[in-house]
């Protein structure tokens, strides 16, 4: 009875919640029915129900593929390096912007940092080739004009890897900075005033006040990033990559595209997608469990 009375009192809130729940039910949970394709010899004309059950045969086939092992290695390698390079970048930028005193310069810097996040990867790919291209790239034009050899940013594996990471930081750092700056606005200014009275310098205040205040946000974003360790976007490696660096640029998302879309092996593509989802869930749960254990130890 209490639940009914509560519902009648706050029915407007439940009405507002109806559309988001409906969206998730239709576009998130509904497509999960297609997961059973991973356990069937899927035939496009027979449909999901009419296709033959094959159990775990497709999983055994995928795990025995050399291309799958290579793309899995590349996915983990690129995501791990991204975590090392791209994850601290927005935190550092947010702290630097927070410490700035000149308001107009601070706002200008924020705008410049935010813009790349809203640019399509197709456009970014064109910018990358215009800037880092070996034959006609802006940087190599300057390098060759100075009498040095052109740098193979996009054709040498090691140089491509560095370029890939740098472009990723440039594209994503601004968005992460917004999140950290929003968290920084919640810090009590009296803490900084007390630190000034105690004679603390700027770096001591950053270390003792700013960073500890950002700890919950850092942990949350770290858990989210770890959940994406096995998953990787399609656009970035596909657009920036090429045949010369395929040993590094070929990842699970491009493997699924090549096998599932181009070759029509939908069962294999579904198996890889399901594998990514399960491993990603394990990463998220593991990171969440570890963060809780560390929080409990810090409290003790």
Protein backbone atom coordinates (compact mmCIF):
# COMPACT_ATOMS: atom_id res chain seq x y z
CA UNK A 1 0.00 0.00 0.00
CA UNK A 2 2.84 2.37 0.87
CA UNK A 3 4.42 1.68 -2.53
CA UNK A 4 1.16 2.55 -4.31
CA UNK A 5 0.82 5.79 -2.38
CA UNK A 6 4.43 6.66 -3.12
CA UNK A 7 3.89 5.97 -6.82
CA UNK A 8 0.78 8.17 -6.92
CA UNK A 9 2.63 10.98 -5.19
CA UNK A 10 5.68 10.93 -7.46
CA UNK A 11 4.14 9.58 -10.69
CA UNK A 12 5.72 12.47 -12.68
CA UNK A 13 9.20 11.16 -11.89
CA UNK A 14 8.27 7.66 -13.04
CA UNK A 15 6.77 9.11 -16.20
CA UNK A 16 10.05 10.89 -16.94
CA UNK A 17 11.90 7.61 -16.37
CA UNK A 18 9.68 5.68 -18.78
CA UNK A 19 11.34 6.83 -22.03
CA UNK A 20 14.95 6.12 -20.93
CA UNK A 21 13.93 2.68 -19.69
CA UNK A 22 12.10 2.00 -22.95
CA UNK A 23 15.17 3.12 -24.92
CA UNK A 24 17.44 0.70 -23.06
CA UNK A 25 14.91 -2.13 -23.34
CA UNK A 26 14.60 -1.75 -27.13
CA UNK A 27 18.11 -0.77 -28.22
CA UNK A 28 20.30 -2.34 -25.50
CA UNK A 29 18.56 -5.43 -24.15
CA UNK A 30 16.54 -6.33 -27.24
CA UNK A 31 19.57 -6.88 -29.49
CA UNK A 32 21.02 -9.31 -26.91
CA UNK A 33 18.84 -11.96 -28.52
CA UNK A 34 21.32 -11.92 -31.41
CA UNK A 35 24.04 -13.30 -29.11
CA UNK A 36 22.82 -16.82 -29.90
CA UNK A 37 24.29 -16.37 -33.39
CA UNK A 38 27.64 -17.15 -31.74
CA UNK A 39 26.35 -20.67 -31.04
CA UNK A 40 24.84 -21.27 -34.47
CA UNK A 41 26.06 -21.75 -38.03
CA UNK A 42 24.24 -18.59 -39.01
CA UNK A 43 22.66 -18.46 -42.43
CA UNK A 44 21.33 -15.07 -43.49
CA UNK A 45 18.44 -16.56 -45.48
CA UNK A 46 17.38 -19.05 -42.80
CA UNK A 47 17.52 -16.48 -40.03
CA UNK A 48 18.57 -16.92 -36.42
CA UNK A 49 15.94 -19.50 -35.49
CA UNK A 50 16.39 -21.54 -38.65
CA UNK A 51 20.19 -21.77 -38.45
CA UNK A 52 21.86 -24.94 -37.16
CA UNK A 53 23.18 -25.16 -33.60
CA UNK A 54 26.94 -25.74 -33.41
CA UNK A 55 27.59 -25.15 -29.71
CA UNK A 56 31.09 -23.89 -28.95
CA UNK A 57 32.61 -24.89 -32.31
CA UNK A 58 32.80 -21.27 -33.47
CA UNK A 59 34.65 -20.28 -30.28
CA UNK A 60 37.23 -23.02 -30.87
CA UNK A 61 37.63 -21.86 -34.46
CA UNK A 62 38.13 -18.22 -33.46
CA UNK A 63 40.63 -18.95 -30.67
CA UNK A 64 42.67 -21.03 -33.13
CA UNK A 65 42.91 -18.19 -35.68
CA UNK A 66 46.36 -16.53 -35.88
CA UNK A 67 44.69 -13.27 -36.95
CA UNK A 68 42.52 -13.28 -33.83
CA UNK A 69 45.53 -13.76 -31.55
CA UNK A 70 47.36 -10.93 -33.32
CA UNK A 71 44.42 -8.53 -33.16
CA UNK A 72 43.82 -9.40 -29.50
CA UNK A 73 47.47 -8.62 -28.74
CA UNK A 74 47.28 -5.32 -30.62
CA UNK A 75 44.05 -4.34 -28.88
CA UNK A 76 45.49 -4.95 -25.42
CA UNK A 77 48.77 -3.24 -26.34
CA UNK A 78 47.16 -0.10 -27.77
CA UNK A 79 44.64 0.20 -24.94
CA UNK A 80 47.31 -0.32 -22.29
CA UNK A 81 49.56 2.33 -23.84
CA UNK A 82 46.54 4.63 -24.19
CA UNK A 83 45.83 4.11 -20.49
CA UNK A 84 49.40 5.04 -19.59
CA UNK A 85 49.53 8.10 -21.86
CA UNK A 86 45.97 9.37 -22.31
CA UNK A 87 44.59 8.73 -18.83
CA UNK A 88 46.91 11.11 -16.89
CA UNK A 89 46.77 13.84 -19.58
CA UNK A 90 43.31 15.30 -18.73
CA UNK A 91 44.10 15.17 -15.03
CA UNK A 92 47.29 17.18 -15.52
CA UNK A 93 45.55 19.65 -17.84
CA UNK A 94 42.64 20.10 -15.42
CA UNK A 95 44.96 20.86 -12.51
CA UNK A 96 46.94 23.31 -14.64
CA UNK A 97 43.77 25.10 -15.80
CA UNK A 98 42.43 25.17 -12.26
CA UNK A 99 45.60 26.93 -11.08
CA UNK A 100 45.43 29.61 -13.76
CA UNK A 101 44.47 33.06 -12.49
CA UNK A 102 43.97 34.89 -15.81
CA UNK A 103 40.29 34.23 -16.59
CA UNK A 104 40.28 35.02 -20.32
CA UNK A 105 43.32 32.84 -20.99
CA UNK A 106 41.78 30.03 -18.96
CA UNK A 107 38.54 30.13 -20.98
CA UNK A 108 40.44 30.32 -24.27
CA UNK A 109 42.57 27.30 -23.31
CA UNK A 110 39.50 25.30 -22.32
CA UNK A 111 37.82 26.01 -25.66
CA UNK A 112 40.90 25.00 -27.64
CA UNK A 113 41.19 21.77 -25.65
CA UNK A 114 37.49 20.84 -26.03
CA UNK A 115 37.19 21.30 -29.80
CA UNK A 116 39.00 18.10 -30.97
CA UNK A 117 36.57 15.87 -29.06
CA UNK A 118 33.70 17.03 -31.28
CA UNK A 119 35.57 16.50 -34.56
CA UNK A 120 34.84 13.33 -36.53
CA UNK A 121 37.66 10.79 -36.79
CA UNK A 122 37.34 11.00 -40.57
CA UNK A 123 38.28 14.68 -40.41
CA UNK A 124 41.00 13.96 -37.85
CA UNK A 125 42.37 11.29 -40.20
CA UNK A 126 42.63 13.89 -42.97
CA UNK A 127 44.41 16.27 -40.60
CA UNK A 128 46.82 13.51 -39.55
CA UNK A 129 47.78 12.77 -43.16
CA UNK A 130 48.19 16.48 -43.91
CA UNK A 131 50.43 16.99 -40.88
CA UNK A 132 52.32 13.68 -40.58
CA UNK A 133 52.35 12.40 -44.17
CA UNK A 134 55.75 11.20 -45.37
CA UNK A 135 55.62 12.80 -48.82
CA UNK A 136 53.44 15.87 -48.37
CA UNK A 137 52.98 16.23 -44.60
CA UNK A 138 53.58 19.67 -43.10
CA UNK A 139 56.14 18.42 -40.58
CA UNK A 140 58.13 16.44 -43.12
CA UNK A 141 58.11 19.38 -45.54
CA UNK A 142 59.84 21.42 -42.85
CA UNK A 143 62.21 18.57 -41.96
CA UNK A 144 63.26 17.94 -45.57
CA UNK A 145 63.62 21.69 -46.21
CA UNK A 146 66.16 21.74 -43.37
CA UNK A 147 68.15 19.00 -45.09
CA UNK A 148 67.09 16.03 -42.96
CA UNK A 149 65.42 12.79 -44.03
CA UNK A 150 61.64 12.56 -43.84
CA UNK A 151 60.26 10.88 -40.71
CA UNK A 152 57.95 7.93 -41.52
CA UNK A 153 55.26 8.82 -39.00
CA UNK A 154 52.60 6.71 -40.71
CA UNK A 155 54.61 3.94 -42.34
CA UNK A 156 57.12 2.87 -39.69
CA UNK A 157 55.58 0.76 -36.91
CA UNK A 158 57.28 2.48 -33.97
CA UNK A 159 56.69 5.99 -35.34
CA UNK A 160 53.08 5.11 -36.16
CA UNK A 161 52.52 3.90 -32.60
CA UNK A 162 53.79 7.20 -31.18
CA UNK A 163 51.65 9.15 -33.67
CA UNK A 164 48.61 7.05 -32.74
CA UNK A 165 49.06 7.83 -29.03
CA UNK A 166 49.74 11.54 -29.56
CA UNK A 167 46.65 11.97 -31.75
CA UNK A 168 44.58 10.09 -29.17
CA UNK A 169 45.72 12.42 -26.38
CA UNK A 170 44.97 15.48 -28.52
CA UNK A 171 41.47 14.20 -29.35
CA UNK A 172 40.36 12.96 -25.93
CA UNK A 173 42.18 15.06 -23.32
CA UNK A 174 39.72 17.97 -23.53
CA UNK A 175 36.69 15.85 -22.67
CA UNK A 176 38.39 14.29 -19.66
CA UNK A 177 39.47 17.75 -18.56
CA UNK A 178 35.81 18.85 -18.38
CA UNK A 179 35.03 16.01 -15.97
CA UNK A 180 37.97 16.80 -13.69
CA UNK A 181 37.27 20.54 -13.71
CA UNK A 182 33.67 19.85 -12.70
CA UNK A 183 34.98 17.81 -9.76
CA UNK A 184 37.45 20.54 -8.83
CA UNK A 185 34.68 23.10 -8.43
CA UNK A 186 33.41 21.11 -5.44
CA UNK A 187 36.60 21.57 -3.40
CA UNK A 188 36.12 23.70 -0.31
CA UNK A 189 38.20 26.88 -0.76
CA UNK A 190 38.73 27.07 2.99
CA UNK A 191 41.15 24.16 2.66
CA UNK A 192 43.41 26.27 0.43
CA UNK A 193 43.12 29.23 2.78
CA UNK A 194 44.16 27.02 5.72
CA UNK A 195 47.07 25.72 3.66
CA UNK A 196 48.16 29.30 2.92
CA UNK A 197 48.15 30.04 6.66
CA UNK A 198 50.34 26.97 7.25
CA UNK A 199 52.78 28.22 4.60
CA UNK A 200 52.08 25.54 2.00
CA UNK A 201 53.27 26.26 -1.52
CA UNK A 202 51.36 25.70 -4.75
CA UNK A 203 52.70 22.18 -5.40
CA UNK A 204 52.08 21.14 -1.79
CA UNK A 205 48.45 22.29 -2.08
CA UNK A 206 48.05 20.37 -5.34
CA UNK A 207 49.51 17.23 -3.76
CA UNK A 208 47.70 17.45 -0.42
CA UNK A 209 44.34 19.02 -1.37
CA UNK A 210 43.61 18.98 -5.11
CA UNK A 211 44.63 15.41 -5.98
CA UNK A 212 43.05 13.76 -2.88
CA UNK A 213 39.80 15.61 -3.65
CA UNK A 214 39.85 14.14 -7.16
CA UNK A 215 40.44 10.57 -5.95
CA UNK A 216 36.78 9.38 -6.36
CA UNK A 217 36.64 10.81 -9.89
CA UNK A 218 40.01 9.28 -10.81
CA UNK A 219 38.95 5.85 -9.54
CA UNK A 220 35.61 5.99 -11.37
CA UNK A 221 37.23 6.96 -14.69
CA UNK A 222 39.91 4.30 -14.20
CA UNK A 223 37.24 1.63 -13.74
CA UNK A 224 35.48 2.81 -16.91
CA UNK A 225 38.75 2.77 -18.87
CA UNK A 226 39.64 -0.70 -17.63
CA UNK A 227 36.24 -1.88 -18.79
CA UNK A 228 37.23 -0.82 -22.30
CA UNK A 229 40.61 -2.57 -22.18
CA UNK A 230 39.49 -5.37 -24.47
CA UNK A 231 37.20 -3.16 -26.57
CA UNK A 232 38.53 -0.55 -28.97
CA UNK A 233 36.91 1.93 -31.31
CA UNK A 234 36.83 1.14 -35.00
CA UNK A 235 37.44 4.60 -36.47
CA UNK A 236 40.80 5.54 -34.97
CA UNK A 237 42.92 2.47 -35.89
CA UNK A 238 41.10 1.98 -39.19
CA UNK A 239 41.48 5.56 -40.43
CA UNK A 240 45.01 6.22 -39.17
CA UNK A 241 46.26 2.70 -39.94
CA UNK A 242 47.43 1.36 -43.29
CA UNK A 243 48.90 -1.82 -44.77
CA UNK A 244 52.45 -0.83 -43.79
CA UNK A 245 51.63 -0.89 -40.07
CA UNK A 246 48.91 -3.56 -40.04
CA UNK A 247 50.92 -5.60 -37.54
CA UNK A 248 50.05 -2.88 -35.01
CA UNK A 249 46.89 -1.26 -36.39
CA UNK A 250 44.85 -4.43 -36.95
CA UNK A 251 42.68 -4.72 -33.81
CA UNK A 252 39.55 -6.64 -32.78
CA UNK A 253 37.14 -4.03 -34.16
CA UNK A 254 38.79 -4.05 -37.60
CA UNK A 255 38.96 -7.86 -37.43
CA UNK A 256 35.20 -8.01 -36.81
CA UNK A 257 34.60 -5.61 -39.71
CA UNK A 258 36.84 -7.58 -42.06
CA UNK A 259 35.44 -10.99 -41.11
CA UNK A 260 31.83 -10.10 -40.32
CA UNK A 261 30.99 -7.40 -42.87
CA UNK A 262 33.40 -7.97 -45.75
CA UNK A 263 33.51 -11.80 -45.58
CA UNK A 264 29.99 -12.38 -44.28
CA UNK A 265 31.08 -14.67 -41.41
CA UNK A 266 28.53 -13.34 -38.93
CA UNK A 267 29.00 -16.19 -36.48
CA UNK A 268 32.72 -15.47 -36.13
CA UNK A 269 32.07 -11.74 -35.73
CA UNK A 270 29.46 -12.40 -33.03
CA UNK A 271 31.85 -14.71 -31.16
CA UNK A 272 34.52 -11.98 -31.07
CA UNK A 273 31.95 -9.39 -29.94
CA UNK A 274 30.69 -11.67 -27.16
CA UNK A 275 34.26 -12.39 -26.10
CA UNK A 276 34.97 -8.65 -25.84
CA UNK A 277 31.83 -8.06 -23.78
CA UNK A 278 32.54 -10.85 -21.29
CA UNK A 279 36.20 -9.94 -20.80
CA UNK A 280 35.26 -6.25 -20.50
CA UNK A 281 32.74 -7.13 -17.78
CA UNK A 282 35.42 -9.08 -15.91
CA UNK A 283 37.78 -6.09 -16.11
CA UNK A 284 35.10 -3.72 -14.76
CA UNK A 285 34.11 -6.01 -11.88
CA UNK A 286 37.76 -6.68 -11.04
CA UNK A 287 38.67 -2.98 -11.05
CA UNK A 288 35.60 -2.13 -8.97
CA UNK A 289 36.46 -4.85 -6.42
CA UNK A 290 40.09 -3.70 -6.22
CA UNK A 291 39.07 -0.05 -5.76
CA UNK A 292 36.76 -0.98 -2.88
CA UNK A 293 39.51 -3.01 -1.20
CA UNK A 294 41.98 -0.13 -1.54
CA UNK A 295 39.38 2.31 -0.18
CA UNK A 296 38.75 0.07 2.83
CA UNK A 297 42.48 -0.19 3.53
CA UNK A 298 42.93 3.59 3.27
CA UNK A 299 40.08 4.08 5.76
CA UNK A 300 41.69 1.64 8.20
